[in-house]
Amino acid sequence: MIVKVTKEAVERIASTDKPIRINGELVGGCGMNVEYALWWDAQGPEDEVYQVDSLTFLIDRETIAYIGSDLLTIDYRAQQGFRMVTPQQILAYGLQLKERWS
């Protein structure tokens, strides 16, 4: 997979030396959805690591399967927060980059 980060997202993230986790998790009852989140995290043994400029992104294999695309773009818009977009669809918007347990 290729991870791209727009100029707007890079400016919003600013400089950090902490890796950023892109996480997808199945939620819901009968109508299962994938809920996405962005948080600072430490690398785990099963993580795929993507270096984009000075930023490091971590994605586990389950999340990669949920994304279902060879290209993921992280974008930021003032009205929508962070967005995760593939060529096929907008996966999530309104995301905030935060500490994992906050």
PDB file of N, CA and C in Angstrom:
ATOM      1  N   MET A   1       0.837  -1.169   0.000  1.00  0.00           N
ATOM      2  CA  MET A   1       0.000   0.000   0.000  1.00  0.00           C
ATOM      3  C   MET A   1       0.887   1.239   0.000  1.00  0.00           C
ATOM      4  N   ILE A   2       0.391   2.284  -0.629  1.00  0.00           N
ATOM      5  CA  ILE A   2       1.058   3.580  -0.624  1.00  0.00           C
ATOM      6  C   ILE A   2       0.238   4.507   0.269  1.00  0.00           C
ATOM      7  N   VAL A   3       0.902   5.197   1.190  1.00  0.00           N
ATOM      8  CA  VAL A   3       0.247   6.182   2.052  1.00  0.00           C
ATOM      9  C   VAL A   3       0.737   7.557   1.625  1.00  0.00           C
ATOM     10  N   LYS A   4      -0.220   8.419   1.272  1.00  0.00           N
ATOM     11  CA  LYS A   4       0.104   9.807   0.927  1.00  0.00           C
ATOM     12  C   LYS A   4      -0.490  10.712   1.987  1.00  0.00           C
ATOM     13  N   VAL A   5       0.161  11.835   2.226  1.00  0.00           N
ATOM     14  CA  VAL A   5      -0.320  12.817   3.203  1.00  0.00           C
ATOM     15  C   VAL A   5      -0.325  14.173   2.506  1.00  0.00           C
ATOM     16  N   THR A   6      -1.470  14.833   2.502  1.00  0.00           N
ATOM     17  CA  THR A   6      -1.548  16.128   1.832  1.00  0.00           C
ATOM     18  C   THR A   6      -0.787  17.189   2.620  1.00  0.00           C
ATOM     19  N   LYS A   7      -0.474  18.263   1.928  1.00  0.00           N
ATOM     20  CA  LYS A   7       0.235  19.383   2.554  1.00  0.00           C
ATOM     21  C   LYS A   7      -0.553  19.911   3.750  1.00  0.00           C
ATOM     22  N   GLU A   8      -1.873  19.989   3.626  1.00  0.00           N
ATOM     23  CA  GLU A   8      -2.726  20.481   4.710  1.00  0.00           C
ATOM     24  C   GLU A   8      -2.643  19.578   5.944  1.00  0.00           C
ATOM     25  N   ALA A   9      -2.602  18.276   5.720  1.00  0.00           N
ATOM     26  CA  ALA A   9      -2.498  17.341   6.845  1.00  0.00           C
ATOM     27  C   ALA A   9      -1.132  17.439   7.508  1.00  0.00           C
ATOM     28  N   VAL A  10      -0.081  17.532   6.701  1.00  0.00           N
ATOM     29  CA  VAL A  10       1.273  17.656   7.259  1.00  0.00           C
ATOM     30  C   VAL A  10       1.369  18.917   8.109  1.00  0.00           C
ATOM     31  N   GLU A  11       0.830  20.027   7.614  1.00  0.00           N
ATOM     32  CA  GLU A  11       0.863  21.282   8.378  1.00  0.00           C
ATOM     33  C   GLU A  11       0.093  21.150   9.684  1.00  0.00           C
ATOM     34  N   ARG A  12      -1.014  20.444   9.671  1.00  0.00           N
ATOM     35  CA  ARG A  12      -1.835  20.283  10.871  1.00  0.00           C
ATOM     36  C   ARG A  12      -1.156  19.367  11.897  1.00  0.00           C
ATOM     37  N   ILE A  13      -0.487  18.336  11.413  1.00  0.00           N
ATOM     38  CA  ILE A  13       0.211  17.410  12.309  1.00  0.00           C
ATOM     39  C   ILE A  13       1.429  18.099  12.912  1.00  0.00           C
ATOM     40  N   ALA A  14       2.048  18.971  12.128  1.00  0.00           N
ATOM     41  CA  ALA A  14       3.282  19.662  12.528  1.00  0.00           C
ATOM     42  C   ALA A  14       4.397  18.633  12.677  1.00  0.00           C
ATOM     43  N   SER A  15       5.433  18.990  13.355  1.00  0.00           N
ATOM     44  CA  SER A  15       6.556  18.058  13.486  1.00  0.00           C
ATOM     45  C   SER A  15       6.373  17.225  14.742  1.00  0.00           C
ATOM     46  N   THR A  16       6.539  15.958  14.571  1.00  0.00           N
ATOM     47  CA  THR A  16       6.459  15.029  15.696  1.00  0.00           C
ATOM     48  C   THR A  16       7.426  13.888  15.435  1.00  0.00           C
ATOM     49  N   ASP A  17       7.985  13.355  16.488  1.00  0.00           N
ATOM     50  CA  ASP A  17       8.829  12.181  16.314  1.00  0.00           C
ATOM     51  C   ASP A  17       8.094  10.915  16.736  1.00  0.00           C
ATOM     52  N   LYS A  18       6.837  11.066  17.145  1.00  0.00           N
ATOM     53  CA  LYS A  18       6.036   9.907  17.538  1.00  0.00           C
ATOM     54  C   LYS A  18       5.368   9.290  16.305  1.00  0.00           C
ATOM     55  N   PRO A  19       5.370   7.969  16.203  1.00  0.00           N
ATOM     56  CA  PRO A  19       4.629   7.327  15.123  1.00  0.00           C
ATOM     57  C   PRO A  19       3.128   7.544  15.286  1.00  0.00           C
ATOM     58  N   ILE A  20       2.437   7.601  14.161  1.00  0.00           N
ATOM     59  CA  ILE A  20       0.993   7.799  14.144  1.00  0.00           C
ATOM     60  C   ILE A  20       0.337   6.510  13.665  1.00  0.00           C
ATOM     61  N   ARG A  21      -0.547   5.973  14.496  1.00  0.00           N
ATOM     62  CA  ARG A  21      -1.261   4.752  14.127  1.00  0.00           C
ATOM     63  C   ARG A  21      -2.519   5.097  13.343  1.00  0.00           C
ATOM     64  N   ILE A  22      -2.701   4.387  12.238  1.00  0.00           N
ATOM     65  CA  ILE A  22      -3.951   4.402  11.485  1.00  0.00           C
ATOM     66  C   ILE A  22      -4.653   3.113  11.874  1.00  0.00           C
ATOM     67  N   ASN A  23      -5.788   3.242  12.556  1.00  0.00           N
ATOM     68  CA  ASN A  23      -6.447   2.069  13.113  1.00  0.00           C
ATOM     69  C   ASN A  23      -7.869   1.932  12.575  1.00  0.00           C
ATOM     70  N   GLY A  24      -8.221   0.717  12.202  1.00  0.00           N
ATOM     71  CA  GLY A  24      -9.584   0.388  11.807  1.00  0.00           C
ATOM     72  C   GLY A  24     -10.088  -0.722  12.702  1.00  0.00           C
ATOM     73  N   GLU A  25     -11.314  -0.552  13.184  1.00  0.00           N
ATOM     74  CA  GLU A  25     -11.876  -1.536  14.106  1.00  0.00           C
ATOM     75  C   GLU A  25     -13.334  -1.799  13.747  1.00  0.00           C
ATOM     76  N   LEU A  26     -13.711  -3.076  13.696  1.00  0.00           N
ATOM     77  CA  LEU A  26     -15.105  -3.425  13.443  1.00  0.00           C
ATOM     78  C   LEU A  26     -15.949  -3.058  14.652  1.00  0.00           C
ATOM     79  N   VAL A  27     -17.049  -2.356  14.412  1.00  0.00           N
ATOM     80  CA  VAL A  27     -17.958  -1.968  15.484  1.00  0.00           C
ATOM     81  C   VAL A  27     -19.394  -2.211  15.034  1.00  0.00           C
ATOM     82  N   GLY A  28     -20.288  -2.303  15.998  1.00  0.00           N
ATOM     83  CA  GLY A  28     -21.699  -2.454  15.674  1.00  0.00           C
ATOM     84  C   GLY A  28     -22.184  -3.857  15.926  1.00  0.00           C
ATOM     85  N   GLY A  29     -23.467  -4.006  15.790  1.00  0.00           N
ATOM     86  CA  GLY A  29     -24.097  -5.306  15.997  1.00  0.00           C
ATOM     87  C   GLY A  29     -24.316  -6.001  14.670  1.00  0.00           C
ATOM     88  N   CYS A  30     -25.578  -6.053  14.245  1.00  0.00           N
ATOM     89  CA  CYS A  30     -25.910  -6.738  12.987  1.00  0.00           C
ATOM     90  C   CYS A  30     -25.338  -6.015  11.767  1.00  0.00           C
ATOM     91  N   GLY A  31     -25.322  -4.694  11.813  1.00  0.00           N
ATOM     92  CA  GLY A  31     -24.775  -3.912  10.710  1.00  0.00           C
ATOM     93  C   GLY A  31     -23.365  -3.490  11.037  1.00  0.00           C
ATOM     94  N   MET A  32     -22.412  -4.331  10.750  1.00  0.00           N
ATOM     95  CA  MET A  32     -21.018  -4.052  11.116  1.00  0.00           C
ATOM     96  C   MET A  32     -20.443  -2.920  10.263  1.00  0.00           C
ATOM     97  N   ASN A  33     -19.744  -2.023  10.906  1.00  0.00           N
ATOM     98  CA  ASN A  33     -19.025  -0.929  10.256  1.00  0.00           C
ATOM     99  C   ASN A  33     -17.585  -0.961  10.717  1.00  0.00           C
ATOM    100  N   VAL A  34     -16.733  -0.294   9.956  1.00  0.00           N
ATOM    101  CA  VAL A  34     -15.350  -0.107  10.384  1.00  0.00           C
ATOM    102  C   VAL A  34     -15.228   1.325  10.855  1.00  0.00           C
ATOM    103  N   GLU A  35     -14.746   1.490  12.085  1.00  0.00           N
ATOM    104  CA  GLU A  35     -14.510   2.822  12.651  1.00  0.00           C
ATOM    105  C   GLU A  35     -13.004   3.059  12.633  1.00  0.00           C
ATOM    106  N   TYR A  36     -12.619   4.198  12.059  1.00  0.00           N
ATOM    107  CA  TYR A  36     -11.195   4.521  11.923  1.00  0.00           C
ATOM    108  C   TYR A  36     -10.787   5.573  12.949  1.00  0.00           C
ATOM    109  N   ALA A  37      -9.509   5.540  13.324  1.00  0.00           N
ATOM    110  CA  ALA A  37      -8.965   6.509  14.280  1.00  0.00           C
ATOM    111  C   ALA A  37      -7.495   6.752  13.961  1.00  0.00           C
ATOM    112  N   LEU A  38      -7.009   7.893  14.409  1.00  0.00           N
ATOM    113  CA  LEU A  38      -5.593   8.254  14.295  1.00  0.00           C
ATOM    114  C   LEU A  38      -5.089   8.588  15.686  1.00  0.00           C
ATOM    115  N   TRP A  39      -4.004   7.954  16.108  1.00  0.00           N
ATOM    116  CA  TRP A  39      -3.427   8.311  17.396  1.00  0.00           C
ATOM    117  C   TRP A  39      -1.925   8.059  17.387  1.00  0.00           C
ATOM    118  N   TRP A  40      -1.239   8.717  18.324  1.00  0.00           N
ATOM    119  CA  TRP A  40       0.189   8.483  18.505  1.00  0.00           C
ATOM    120  C   TRP A  40       0.348   7.154  19.207  1.00  0.00           C
ATOM    121  N   ASP A  41       1.315   6.357  18.759  1.00  0.00           N
ATOM    122  CA  ASP A  41       1.459   5.023  19.320  1.00  0.00           C
ATOM    123  C   ASP A  41       2.880   4.511  19.106  1.00  0.00           C
ATOM    124  N   ALA A  42       3.212   3.441  19.790  1.00  0.00           N
ATOM    125  CA  ALA A  42       4.498   2.768  19.608  1.00  0.00           C
ATOM    126  C   ALA A  42       4.318   1.643  18.593  1.00  0.00           C
ATOM    127  N   GLN A  43       5.375   1.333  17.882  1.00  0.00           N
ATOM    128  CA  GLN A  43       5.327   0.286  16.881  1.00  0.00           C
ATOM    129  C   GLN A  43       5.202  -1.078  17.529  1.00  0.00           C
ATOM    130  N   GLY A  44       4.312  -1.898  16.989  1.00  0.00           N
ATOM    131  CA  GLY A  44       4.156  -3.274  17.429  1.00  0.00           C
ATOM    132  C   GLY A  44       4.843  -4.221  16.463  1.00  0.00           C
ATOM    133  N   PRO A  45       5.022  -5.473  16.859  1.00  0.00           N
ATOM    134  CA  PRO A  45       5.760  -6.422  16.023  1.00  0.00           C
ATOM    135  C   PRO A  45       5.058  -6.762  14.707  1.00  0.00           C
ATOM    136  N   GLU A  46       3.750  -6.610  14.631  1.00  0.00           N
ATOM    137  CA  GLU A  46       2.994  -6.973  13.432  1.00  0.00           C
ATOM    138  C   GLU A  46       2.669  -5.774  12.545  1.00  0.00           C
ATOM    139  N   ASP A  47       3.149  -4.582  12.899  1.00  0.00           N
ATOM    140  CA  ASP A  47       2.803  -3.369  12.158  1.00  0.00           C
ATOM    141  C   ASP A  47       3.567  -3.243  10.851  1.00  0.00           C
ATOM    142  N   GLU A  48       2.880  -2.730   9.845  1.00  0.00           N
ATOM    143  CA  GLU A  48       3.525  -2.248   8.635  1.00  0.00           C
ATOM    144  C   GLU A  48       3.880  -0.793   8.912  1.00  0.00           C
ATOM    145  N   VAL A  49       5.069  -0.369   8.507  1.00  0.00           N
ATOM    146  CA  VAL A  49       5.544   0.985   8.776  1.00  0.00           C
ATOM    147  C   VAL A  49       5.655   1.744   7.456  1.00  0.00           C
ATOM    148  N   TYR A  50       5.071   2.933   7.426  1.00  0.00           N
ATOM    149  CA  TYR A  50       5.097   3.784   6.231  1.00  0.00           C
ATOM    150  C   TYR A  50       5.722   5.115   6.599  1.00  0.00           C
ATOM    151  N   GLN A  51       6.796   5.449   5.930  1.00  0.00           N
ATOM    152  CA  GLN A  51       7.484   6.709   6.161  1.00  0.00           C
ATOM    153  C   GLN A  51       7.038   7.688   5.084  1.00  0.00           C
ATOM    154  N   VAL A  52       6.451   8.818   5.493  1.00  0.00           N
ATOM    155  CA  VAL A  52       6.005   9.853   4.569  1.00  0.00           C
ATOM    156  C   VAL A  52       6.663  11.149   5.018  1.00  0.00           C
ATOM    157  N   ASP A  53       7.648  11.592   4.250  1.00  0.00           N
ATOM    158  CA  ASP A  53       8.454  12.745   4.638  1.00  0.00           C
ATOM    159  C   ASP A  53       9.029  12.485   6.025  1.00  0.00           C
ATOM    160  N   SER A  54       8.759  13.355   6.994  1.00  0.00           N
ATOM    161  CA  SER A  54       9.305  13.173   8.341  1.00  0.00           C
ATOM    162  C   SER A  54       8.336  12.435   9.260  1.00  0.00           C
ATOM    163  N   LEU A  55       7.204  11.985   8.723  1.00  0.00           N
ATOM    164  CA  LEU A  55       6.183  11.325   9.539  1.00  0.00           C
ATOM    165  C   LEU A  55       6.238   9.812   9.374  1.00  0.00           C
ATOM    166  N   THR A  56       5.984   9.105  10.478  1.00  0.00           N
ATOM    167  CA  THR A  56       5.931   7.646  10.462  1.00  0.00           C
ATOM    168  C   THR A  56       4.515   7.210  10.785  1.00  0.00           C
ATOM    169  N   PHE A  57       3.944   6.361   9.920  1.00  0.00           N
ATOM    170  CA  PHE A  57       2.601   5.826  10.127  1.00  0.00           C
ATOM    171  C   PHE A  57       2.690   4.327  10.354  1.00  0.00           C
ATOM    172  N   LEU A  58       1.886   3.837  11.274  1.00  0.00           N
ATOM    173  CA  LEU A  58       1.815   2.412  11.611  1.00  0.00           C
ATOM    174  C   LEU A  58       0.423   1.905  11.250  1.00  0.00           C
ATOM    175  N   ILE A  59       0.371   0.754  10.586  1.00  0.00           N
ATOM    176  CA  ILE A  59      -0.917   0.151  10.251  1.00  0.00           C
ATOM    177  C   ILE A  59      -0.795  -1.348  10.456  1.00  0.00           C
ATOM    178  N   ASP A  60      -1.741  -1.920  11.202  1.00  0.00           N
ATOM    179  CA  ASP A  60      -1.730  -3.374  11.371  1.00  0.00           C
ATOM    180  C   ASP A  60      -2.391  -4.029  10.155  1.00  0.00           C
ATOM    181  N   ARG A  61      -2.195  -5.317  10.009  1.00  0.00           N
ATOM    182  CA  ARG A  61      -2.679  -6.040   8.819  1.00  0.00           C
ATOM    183  C   ARG A  61      -4.199  -6.047   8.711  1.00  0.00           C
ATOM    184  N   GLU A  62      -4.900  -6.121   9.838  1.00  0.00           N
ATOM    185  CA  GLU A  62      -6.366  -6.075   9.796  1.00  0.00           C
ATOM    186  C   GLU A  62      -6.851  -4.756   9.217  1.00  0.00           C
ATOM    187  N   THR A  63      -6.257  -3.658   9.658  1.00  0.00           N
ATOM    188  CA  THR A  63      -6.656  -2.349   9.158  1.00  0.00           C
ATOM    189  C   THR A  63      -6.372  -2.234   7.669  1.00  0.00           C
ATOM    190  N   ILE A  64      -5.239  -2.756   7.220  1.00  0.00           N
ATOM    191  CA  ILE A  64      -4.925  -2.744   5.786  1.00  0.00           C
ATOM    192  C   ILE A  64      -6.015  -3.479   5.012  1.00  0.00           C
ATOM    193  N   ALA A  65      -6.472  -4.607   5.544  1.00  0.00           N
ATOM    194  CA  ALA A  65      -7.543  -5.357   4.882  1.00  0.00           C
ATOM    195  C   ALA A  65      -8.842  -4.550   4.856  1.00  0.00           C
ATOM    196  N   TYR A  66      -9.159  -3.845   5.941  1.00  0.00           N
ATOM    197  CA  TYR A  66     -10.377  -3.025   5.968  1.00  0.00           C
ATOM    198  C   TYR A  66     -10.297  -1.885   4.958  1.00  0.00           C
ATOM    199  N   ILE A  67      -9.120  -1.296   4.800  1.00  0.00           N
ATOM    200  CA  ILE A  67      -8.943  -0.195   3.852  1.00  0.00           C
ATOM    201  C   ILE A  67      -9.210  -0.687   2.429  1.00  0.00           C
ATOM    202  N   GLY A  68      -8.710  -1.854   2.103  1.00  0.00           N
ATOM    203  CA  GLY A  68      -9.039  -2.492   0.835  1.00  0.00           C
ATOM    204  C   GLY A  68      -8.594  -1.744  -0.411  1.00  0.00           C
ATOM    205  N   SER A  69      -7.497  -1.036  -0.342  1.00  0.00           N
ATOM    206  CA  SER A  69      -7.001  -0.278  -1.485  1.00  0.00           C
ATOM    207  C   SER A  69      -5.483  -0.248  -1.446  1.00  0.00           C
ATOM    208  N   ASP A  70      -4.888  -0.006  -2.607  1.00  0.00           N
ATOM    209  CA  ASP A  70      -3.431   0.111  -2.674  1.00  0.00           C
ATOM    210  C   ASP A  70      -2.956   1.522  -2.389  1.00  0.00           C
ATOM    211  N   LEU A  71      -3.893   2.475  -2.260  1.00  0.00           N
ATOM    212  CA  LEU A  71      -3.542   3.871  -2.021  1.00  0.00           C
ATOM    213  C   LEU A  71      -4.444   4.447  -0.938  1.00  0.00           C
ATOM    214  N   LEU A  72      -3.837   5.038   0.081  1.00  0.00           N
ATOM    215  CA  LEU A  72      -4.568   5.717   1.150  1.00  0.00           C
ATOM    216  C   LEU A  72      -4.017   7.129   1.269  1.00  0.00           C
ATOM    217  N   THR A  73      -4.907   8.116   1.247  1.00  0.00           N
ATOM    218  CA  THR A  73      -4.502   9.506   1.410  1.00  0.00           C
ATOM    219  C   THR A  73      -5.053  10.028   2.726  1.00  0.00           C
ATOM    220  N   ILE A  74      -4.170  10.643   3.515  1.00  0.00           N
ATOM    221  CA  ILE A  74      -4.568  11.335   4.739  1.00  0.00           C
ATOM    222  C   ILE A  74      -4.634  12.816   4.389  1.00  0.00           C
ATOM    223  N   ASP A  75      -5.785  13.406   4.601  1.00  0.00           N
ATOM    224  CA  ASP A  75      -6.023  14.800   4.250  1.00  0.00           C
ATOM    225  C   ASP A  75      -6.545  15.520   5.483  1.00  0.00           C
ATOM    226  N   TYR A  76      -6.510  16.853   5.448  1.00  0.00           N
ATOM    227  CA  TYR A  76      -7.102  17.643   6.526  1.00  0.00           C
ATOM    228  C   TYR A  76      -7.877  18.791   5.911  1.00  0.00           C
ATOM    229  N   ARG A  77      -9.089  18.980   6.394  1.00  0.00           N
ATOM    230  CA  ARG A  77      -9.926  20.111   5.995  1.00  0.00           C
ATOM    231  C   ARG A  77     -10.496  20.738   7.257  1.00  0.00           C
ATOM    232  N   ALA A  78     -10.462  22.054   7.315  1.00  0.00           N
ATOM    233  CA  ALA A  78     -10.896  22.762   8.524  1.00  0.00           C
ATOM    234  C   ALA A  78     -12.314  22.366   8.924  1.00  0.00           C
ATOM    235  N   GLN A  79     -13.198  22.165   7.970  1.00  0.00           N
ATOM    236  CA  GLN A  79     -14.591  21.839   8.280  1.00  0.00           C
ATOM    237  C   GLN A  79     -14.796  20.371   8.645  1.00  0.00           C
ATOM    238  N   GLN A  80     -13.850  19.509   8.259  1.00  0.00           N
ATOM    239  CA  GLN A  80     -14.055  18.070   8.431  1.00  0.00           C
ATOM    240  C   GLN A  80     -13.003  17.383   9.280  1.00  0.00           C
ATOM    241  N   GLY A  81     -11.960  18.052   9.682  1.00  0.00           N
ATOM    242  CA  GLY A  81     -10.881  17.400  10.407  1.00  0.00           C
ATOM    243  C   GLY A  81     -10.064  16.533   9.467  1.00  0.00           C
ATOM    244  N   PHE A  82      -9.394  15.536  10.026  1.00  0.00           N
ATOM    245  CA  PHE A  82      -8.622  14.615   9.200  1.00  0.00           C
ATOM    246  C   PHE A  82      -9.566  13.690   8.450  1.00  0.00           C
ATOM    247  N   ARG A  83      -9.189  13.381   7.214  1.00  0.00           N
ATOM    248  CA  ARG A  83      -9.961  12.468   6.380  1.00  0.00           C
ATOM    249  C   ARG A  83      -9.052  11.356   5.886  1.00  0.00           C
ATOM    250  N   MET A  84      -9.606  10.167   5.758  1.00  0.00           N
ATOM    251  CA  MET A  84      -8.906   9.036   5.150  1.00  0.00           C
ATOM    252  C   MET A  84      -9.645   8.704   3.869  1.00  0.00           C
ATOM    253  N   VAL A  85      -8.919   8.791   2.742  1.00  0.00           N
ATOM    254  CA  VAL A  85      -9.548   8.663   1.440  1.00  0.00           C
ATOM    255  C   VAL A  85      -8.783   7.663   0.589  1.00  0.00           C
ATOM    256  N   THR A  86      -9.518   6.786  -0.096  1.00  0.00           N
ATOM    257  CA  THR A  86      -8.933   5.922  -1.120  1.00  0.00           C
ATOM    258  C   THR A  86      -9.468   6.409  -2.462  1.00  0.00           C
ATOM    259  N   PRO A  87      -8.931   5.907  -3.568  1.00  0.00           N
ATOM    260  CA  PRO A  87      -9.488   6.309  -4.865  1.00  0.00           C
ATOM    261  C   PRO A  87     -10.962   5.921  -5.021  1.00  0.00           C
ATOM    262  N   GLN A  88     -11.418   4.932  -4.267  1.00  0.00           N
ATOM    263  CA  GLN A  88     -12.788   4.458  -4.389  1.00  0.00           C
ATOM    264  C   GLN A  88     -13.774   5.178  -3.463  1.00  0.00           C
ATOM    265  N   GLN A  89     -13.300   5.641  -2.289  1.00  0.00           N
ATOM    266  CA  GLN A  89     -14.245   6.188  -1.318  1.00  0.00           C
ATOM    267  C   GLN A  89     -13.557   6.989  -0.215  1.00  0.00           C
ATOM    268  N   ILE A  90     -14.369   7.772   0.475  1.00  0.00           N
ATOM    269  CA  ILE A  90     -13.919   8.420   1.710  1.00  0.00           C
ATOM    270  C   ILE A  90     -14.193   7.416   2.824  1.00  0.00           C
ATOM    271  N   LEU A  91     -13.151   6.942   3.475  1.00  0.00           N
ATOM    272  CA  LEU A  91     -13.318   5.949   4.540  1.00  0.00           C
ATOM    273  C   LEU A  91     -13.801   6.588   5.832  1.00  0.00           C
ATOM    274  N   ALA A  92     -13.260   7.775   6.132  1.00  0.00           N
ATOM    275  CA  ALA A  92     -13.600   8.436   7.394  1.00  0.00           C
ATOM    276  C   ALA A  92     -13.273   9.917   7.289  1.00  0.00           C
ATOM    277  N   TYR A  93     -14.023  10.715   8.028  1.00  0.00           N
ATOM    278  CA  TYR A  93     -13.716  12.136   8.156  1.00  0.00           C
ATOM    279  C   TYR A  93     -14.114  12.564   9.555  1.00  0.00           C
ATOM    280  N   GLY A  94     -13.696  13.752   9.945  1.00  0.00           N
ATOM    281  CA  GLY A  94     -13.960  14.206  11.304  1.00  0.00           C
ATOM    282  C   GLY A  94     -13.006  13.600  12.319  1.00  0.00           C
ATOM    283  N   LEU A  95     -11.902  13.020  11.835  1.00  0.00           N
ATOM    284  CA  LEU A  95     -10.941  12.388  12.736  1.00  0.00           C
ATOM    285  C   LEU A  95     -10.048  13.437  13.379  1.00  0.00           C
ATOM    286  N   GLN A  96      -9.646  13.156  14.598  1.00  0.00           N
ATOM    287  CA  GLN A  96      -8.681  13.988  15.304  1.00  0.00           C
ATOM    288  C   GLN A  96      -7.483  13.122  15.635  1.00  0.00           C
ATOM    289  N   LEU A  97      -6.312  13.700  15.542  1.00  0.00           N
ATOM    290  CA  LEU A  97      -5.094  13.005  15.952  1.00  0.00           C
ATOM    291  C   LEU A  97      -4.923  13.254  17.439  1.00  0.00           C
ATOM    292  N   LYS A  98      -4.863  12.160  18.219  1.00  0.00           N
ATOM    293  CA  LYS A  98      -4.853  12.327  19.673  1.00  0.00           C
ATOM    294  C   LYS A  98      -4.014  11.230  20.316  1.00  0.00           C
ATOM    295  N   GLU A  99      -3.877  11.346  21.616  1.00  0.00           N
ATOM    296  CA  GLU A  99      -3.243  10.281  22.380  1.00  0.00           C
ATOM    297  C   GLU A  99      -4.184   9.075  22.382  1.00  0.00           C
ATOM    298  N   ARG A 100      -3.643   7.900  22.393  1.00  0.00           N
ATOM    299  CA  ARG A 100      -4.447   6.688  22.261  1.00  0.00           C
ATOM    300  C   ARG A 100      -5.538   6.571  23.325  1.00  0.00           C
ATOM    301  N   TRP A 101      -5.232   6.835  24.545  1.00  0.00           N
ATOM    302  CA  TRP A 101      -6.174   6.566  25.628  1.00  0.00           C
ATOM    303  C   TRP A 101      -6.913   7.812  26.096  1.00  0.00           C
ATOM    304  N   SER A 102      -6.936   8.862  25.289  1.00  0.00           N
ATOM    305  CA  SER A 102      -7.649  10.071  25.725  1.00  0.00           C
ATOM    306  C   SER A 102      -9.079  10.086  25.278  1.00  0.00           C
TER     307      SER A 102
END
